[in-house]
Amino acid sequence: MRCTLCPRLCGAERTETAGSGFCRMPAGPVVARAGLHMWEEPCISGTRGSGTVFFSGCTLGCVFCQNHEISAQGVGKPVSVDRLREIFRGLIRQGAHNINLVTATQYLPSIRQALELARPELHIPVVYNSGGYERTETIREFSDCIDIWLPDLKYYDSSLSEKYSAAQNYFSMASKAIKEMIRISGGLAWDPENPGLLKKGVVIRHMVLPGAKEDSIRLLHWIKEELPPGQFLLSILSQYTPFYKSSQYPEIRRRITTYEYQKVVDTAIEL
């Protein structure tokens, strides 16, 4: 069956063991790492950690990806649906606050099967942690197995998204997808036993890029004007580091300045 899971609609013939198309991944899951992760947003990691599963491959091509060995170079191990279920169960036994699926788009059919098999023990939320480059049709189709949506909203300007992530239509797709995530989630819900932990809802991440604070500010205005207030959380990230191919682009071959980051944060507060 030809793959249409992501906005690229490349129609690749992906088998359980062989991959093609933009992500170059097979249909069966490939996992690079699984474990408790303490460095997500506090409402995700809590005190015991988020049960994070890093899937290999990606639907984006970000030149600054900090996980480029996993996303672009195929590092990871193929696993069966049964093995993926056991990974989920193992994270639950370790005390994970949630199951955190990182760059999972290309494996969603198999992941759903594994989650359904793990359902008797799955008493914690499932987090969909993505670059935001999603089809609304895919979001709707698999929304029954997701509790918390954790998308990036990387760019407003299509020239930036094309240059740095090989996705000219990034904003048009991500903006629709995030609206759909908020609609599906129905707002924020907190764990009554752990008030600081999110149980259901949307957390939008945005990482400020060097020299691109004006694009960040345009995104913030769009968020203010287009998204329902009080129905999501916003996480503005400052940890951009010139990883991977960033050295090929002089304008992003540096960390962001305090001024750049604070200007974006100040705008968010003003809005």
Protein backbone atom coordinates (compact mmCIF):
# COMPACT_ATOMS: atom_id res chain seq x y z
CA MET A 1 0.00 0.00 0.00
CA ARG A 2 1.37 3.40 -0.96
CA CYS A 3 2.18 5.64 2.01
CA THR A 4 0.25 8.89 2.46
CA LEU A 5 0.77 9.35 6.21
CA CYS A 6 2.67 12.64 6.04
CA PRO A 7 2.16 15.84 4.00
CA ARG A 8 4.73 14.79 1.41
CA LEU A 9 2.24 12.27 -0.01
CA CYS A 10 5.15 10.56 -1.73
CA GLY A 11 3.19 7.35 -2.21
CA ALA A 12 6.17 5.19 -1.34
CA GLU A 13 5.77 1.42 -1.30
CA ARG A 14 6.93 0.66 2.23
CA THR A 15 7.17 -2.96 3.29
CA GLU A 16 7.74 -4.28 6.81
CA THR A 17 11.47 -4.52 6.18
CA ALA A 18 12.29 -2.13 3.32
CA GLY A 19 11.78 1.60 3.11
CA SER A 20 11.60 4.25 0.44
CA GLY A 21 10.15 7.71 -0.01
CA PHE A 22 11.30 10.80 1.85
CA CYS A 23 11.70 9.13 5.25
CA ARG A 24 13.42 6.07 3.74
CA MET A 25 11.95 3.94 6.52
CA PRO A 26 10.15 0.57 6.35
CA ALA A 27 6.53 0.23 7.43
CA GLY A 28 7.53 -1.76 10.51
CA PRO A 29 8.76 0.31 13.49
CA VAL A 30 12.45 1.15 13.85
CA VAL A 31 13.38 2.27 17.37
CA ALA A 32 16.60 4.08 18.23
CA ARG A 33 16.15 4.53 21.96
CA ALA A 34 13.60 4.04 24.74
CA GLY A 35 13.84 5.19 28.33
CA LEU A 36 12.73 7.64 30.99
CA HIS A 37 13.33 11.21 29.85
CA MET A 38 13.58 13.98 32.46
CA TRP A 39 14.08 16.94 30.14
CA GLU A 40 10.75 17.44 28.44
CA GLU A 41 8.48 20.24 29.67
CA PRO A 42 7.81 19.85 33.45
CA CYS A 43 4.16 18.98 32.82
CA ILE A 44 5.34 16.05 30.67
CA SER A 45 8.42 14.76 32.52
CA GLY A 46 7.12 15.34 36.04
CA THR A 47 9.24 13.80 38.80
CA ARG A 48 9.75 10.29 37.40
CA GLY A 49 10.26 11.02 33.71
CA SER A 50 8.45 10.63 30.42
CA GLY A 51 8.55 7.15 28.87
CA THR A 52 10.14 8.26 25.64
CA VAL A 53 10.49 6.11 22.52
CA PHE A 54 12.63 7.64 19.77
CA PHE A 55 11.60 6.32 16.36
CA SER A 56 14.07 6.37 13.46
CA GLY A 57 13.52 8.48 10.39
CA CYS A 58 11.60 11.73 10.03
CA THR A 59 9.23 13.46 7.63
CA LEU A 60 11.30 16.66 7.87
CA GLY A 61 14.89 17.38 6.89
CA CYS A 62 16.00 19.94 9.48
CA VAL A 63 19.61 20.96 8.92
CA PHE A 64 20.06 21.67 12.64
CA CYS A 65 18.54 18.43 13.98
CA GLN A 66 20.14 17.46 17.29
CA ASN A 67 19.06 13.83 16.74
CA HIS A 68 20.28 13.65 13.15
CA GLU A 69 21.80 10.18 13.56
CA ILE A 70 18.29 8.93 14.31
CA SER A 71 16.23 11.18 12.06
CA ALA A 72 18.42 11.32 8.95
CA GLN A 73 20.97 8.53 9.18
CA GLY A 74 18.72 5.63 10.06
CA VAL A 75 20.27 4.67 13.39
CA GLY A 76 17.90 2.26 15.13
CA LYS A 77 16.72 -1.30 15.37
CA PRO A 78 13.66 -2.79 13.65
CA VAL A 79 11.15 -4.13 16.17
CA SER A 80 7.97 -6.14 15.85
CA VAL A 81 4.61 -4.90 17.09
CA ASP A 82 4.86 -7.37 19.99
CA ARG A 83 8.31 -6.06 20.90
CA LEU A 84 7.06 -2.48 20.77
CA ARG A 85 4.26 -3.45 23.15
CA GLU A 86 6.87 -4.87 25.53
CA ILE A 87 8.84 -1.61 25.31
CA PHE A 88 5.70 0.30 26.32
CA ARG A 89 5.02 -2.11 29.16
CA GLY A 90 8.61 -1.85 30.36
CA LEU A 91 8.37 1.95 30.53
CA ILE A 92 5.14 1.67 32.50
CA ARG A 93 6.82 -0.68 34.99
CA GLN A 94 9.68 1.82 35.38
CA GLY A 95 7.16 4.42 36.55
CA ALA A 96 6.88 6.59 33.43
CA HIS A 97 4.28 9.35 33.69
CA ASN A 98 3.35 8.80 30.03
CA ILE A 99 4.35 7.03 26.82
CA ASN A 100 6.09 9.61 24.63
CA LEU A 101 6.19 8.80 20.89
CA VAL A 102 8.94 10.86 19.21
CA THR A 103 8.76 11.30 15.40
CA ALA A 104 6.25 8.49 15.07
CA THR A 105 4.26 9.60 12.01
CA GLN A 106 5.74 7.09 9.58
CA TYR A 107 4.90 4.14 11.87
CA LEU A 108 1.44 5.07 13.15
CA PRO A 109 -0.43 1.94 11.96
CA SER A 110 2.03 -0.36 13.78
CA ILE A 111 2.16 1.88 16.84
CA ARG A 112 -1.61 1.81 17.15
CA GLN A 113 -1.53 -2.00 17.12
CA ALA A 114 1.13 -2.05 19.85
CA LEU A 115 -0.80 0.44 21.97
CA GLU A 116 -3.98 -1.62 21.64
CA LEU A 117 -2.10 -4.74 22.74
CA ALA A 118 -0.70 -2.84 25.74
CA ARG A 119 -4.09 -1.32 26.59
CA PRO A 120 -4.80 -3.49 29.67
CA GLU A 121 -1.74 -1.96 31.38
CA LEU A 122 -1.84 1.43 29.71
CA HIS A 123 -3.17 3.58 32.53
CA ILE A 124 -1.01 6.57 31.61
CA PRO A 125 -1.39 9.14 28.79
CA VAL A 126 0.15 8.71 25.34
CA VAL A 127 2.09 11.71 24.01
CA TYR A 128 2.50 12.41 20.29
CA ASN A 129 5.78 14.31 20.03
CA SER A 130 6.26 15.61 16.49
CA GLY A 131 7.82 18.27 14.31
CA GLY A 132 4.32 19.57 13.57
CA TYR A 133 4.48 18.64 9.90
CA GLU A 134 1.34 16.53 9.82
CA ARG A 135 -1.76 15.88 7.73
CA THR A 136 -5.04 16.65 9.48
CA GLU A 137 -6.41 13.42 7.98
CA THR A 138 -3.70 11.40 9.72
CA ILE A 139 -4.23 13.26 13.00
CA ARG A 140 -7.95 12.44 12.91
CA GLU A 141 -7.42 8.81 11.95
CA PHE A 142 -5.11 8.06 14.86
CA SER A 143 -6.52 10.48 17.44
CA ASP A 144 -8.22 7.66 19.35
CA CYS A 145 -4.86 6.47 20.72
CA ILE A 146 -3.34 9.88 21.60
CA ASP A 147 -3.98 11.91 24.77
CA ILE A 148 -1.37 14.68 24.66
CA TRP A 149 -0.19 16.39 21.48
CA LEU A 150 3.32 17.89 21.60
CA PRO A 151 3.93 19.49 18.18
CA ASP A 152 6.60 21.92 17.10
CA LEU A 153 5.53 25.07 15.30
CA LYS A 154 8.87 25.87 13.70
CA TYR A 155 8.33 28.51 11.04
CA TYR A 156 5.88 31.02 9.63
CA ASP A 157 7.95 31.94 6.57
CA SER A 158 7.89 29.25 3.86
CA SER A 159 11.29 30.29 2.55
CA LEU A 160 12.81 29.45 5.96
CA SER A 161 11.03 26.12 6.20
CA GLU A 162 12.12 25.17 2.70
CA LYS A 163 15.72 26.18 3.31
CA TYR A 164 16.19 24.60 6.73
CA SER A 165 13.67 21.71 6.78
CA ALA A 166 13.00 20.86 3.10
CA ALA A 167 9.30 21.65 3.57
CA GLN A 168 8.05 24.67 1.66
CA ASN A 169 4.48 24.03 2.83
CA TYR A 170 5.43 23.58 6.50
CA PHE A 171 3.32 26.37 8.01
CA SER A 172 0.23 25.65 5.94
CA MET A 173 0.28 22.01 7.09
CA ALA A 174 1.43 22.53 10.69
CA SER A 175 -1.05 25.33 11.38
CA LYS A 176 -3.99 23.18 10.24
CA ALA A 177 -2.70 20.17 12.13
CA ILE A 178 -2.32 22.09 15.39
CA LYS A 179 -5.83 23.51 15.08
CA GLU A 180 -7.08 19.96 14.63
CA MET A 181 -5.10 18.72 17.64
CA ILE A 182 -6.67 21.42 19.82
CA ARG A 183 -10.14 20.61 18.51
CA ILE A 184 -9.69 16.89 19.17
CA SER A 185 -8.21 17.35 22.64
CA GLY A 186 -11.02 19.63 23.78
CA GLY A 187 -8.71 21.69 25.98
CA LEU A 188 -6.34 20.96 28.84
CA ALA A 189 -6.88 18.35 31.56
CA TRP A 190 -4.59 17.87 34.54
CA ASP A 191 -3.85 14.78 36.61
CA PRO A 192 -5.85 15.18 39.86
CA GLU A 193 -3.28 13.13 41.78
CA ASN A 194 -0.33 15.08 40.32
CA PRO A 195 -1.65 18.61 39.61
CA GLY A 196 1.46 19.68 37.70
CA LEU A 197 1.14 16.83 35.19
CA LEU A 198 -0.79 17.16 31.97
CA LYS A 199 -3.27 14.37 31.34
CA LYS A 200 -4.75 15.61 28.08
CA GLY A 201 -4.26 18.54 25.73
CA VAL A 202 -1.82 20.33 23.43
CA VAL A 203 1.62 21.82 24.14
CA ILE A 204 2.98 23.86 21.23
CA ARG A 205 6.76 24.12 21.07
CA HIS A 206 8.63 26.84 19.25
CA MET A 207 12.43 27.07 19.15
CA VAL A 208 13.82 30.52 18.40
CA LEU A 209 16.40 30.38 15.59
CA PRO A 210 19.40 32.71 15.16
CA GLY A 211 18.47 35.76 13.12
CA ALA A 212 14.82 34.70 12.90
CA LYS A 213 13.20 36.40 15.87
CA GLU A 214 10.84 38.32 13.55
CA ASP A 215 9.56 35.02 12.17
CA SER A 216 9.00 33.84 15.75
CA ILE A 217 7.06 37.02 16.50
CA ARG A 218 4.87 36.51 13.41
CA LEU A 219 4.11 33.01 14.67
CA LEU A 220 3.13 34.37 18.07
CA HIS A 221 0.72 36.83 16.47
CA TRP A 222 -0.82 34.00 14.45
CA ILE A 223 -1.21 31.92 17.61
CA LYS A 224 -2.90 34.85 19.39
CA GLU A 225 -5.24 35.55 16.50
CA GLU A 226 -6.10 32.03 15.36
CA LEU A 227 -6.00 29.64 18.34
CA PRO A 228 -8.56 29.48 21.16
CA PRO A 229 -7.23 31.04 24.38
CA GLY A 230 -6.75 28.75 27.33
CA GLN A 231 -6.97 25.62 25.17
CA PHE A 232 -3.24 24.89 24.84
CA LEU A 233 0.17 25.55 26.41
CA LEU A 234 3.07 27.33 24.71
CA SER A 235 6.71 26.36 25.22
CA ILE A 236 9.30 28.78 23.80
CA LEU A 237 12.69 27.09 23.52
CA SER A 238 16.09 28.77 23.73
CA GLN A 239 18.41 25.80 23.30
CA TYR A 240 19.15 26.06 19.57
CA THR A 241 22.64 24.67 18.93
CA PRO A 242 24.29 24.53 15.49
CA PHE A 243 24.22 20.74 15.05
CA TYR A 244 24.46 18.61 11.92
CA LYS A 245 24.51 20.69 8.70
CA SER A 246 24.15 24.10 10.36
CA SER A 247 27.78 24.88 9.53
CA GLN A 248 26.75 25.14 5.88
CA TYR A 249 24.52 28.14 6.70
CA PRO A 250 26.53 31.08 8.13
CA GLU A 251 23.43 32.84 9.50
CA ILE A 252 22.58 29.93 11.84
CA ARG A 253 26.13 28.86 12.66
CA ARG A 254 25.80 30.25 16.19
CA ARG A 255 23.66 30.12 19.32
CA ILE A 256 20.83 32.63 19.71
CA THR A 257 21.49 35.72 21.78
CA THR A 258 19.78 36.59 25.04
CA TYR A 259 18.29 39.61 23.29
CA GLU A 260 16.75 37.49 20.52
CA TYR A 261 15.17 35.04 22.93
CA GLN A 262 13.96 37.67 25.38
CA LYS A 263 12.38 39.73 22.60
CA VAL A 264 10.29 36.71 21.59
CA VAL A 265 9.34 35.92 25.20
CA ASP A 266 8.42 39.55 25.87
CA THR A 267 6.16 39.53 22.80
CA ALA A 268 4.45 36.37 24.00
CA ILE A 269 3.81 37.95 27.40
CA GLU A 270 2.48 41.14 25.80
CA LEU A 271 0.09 39.11 23.67
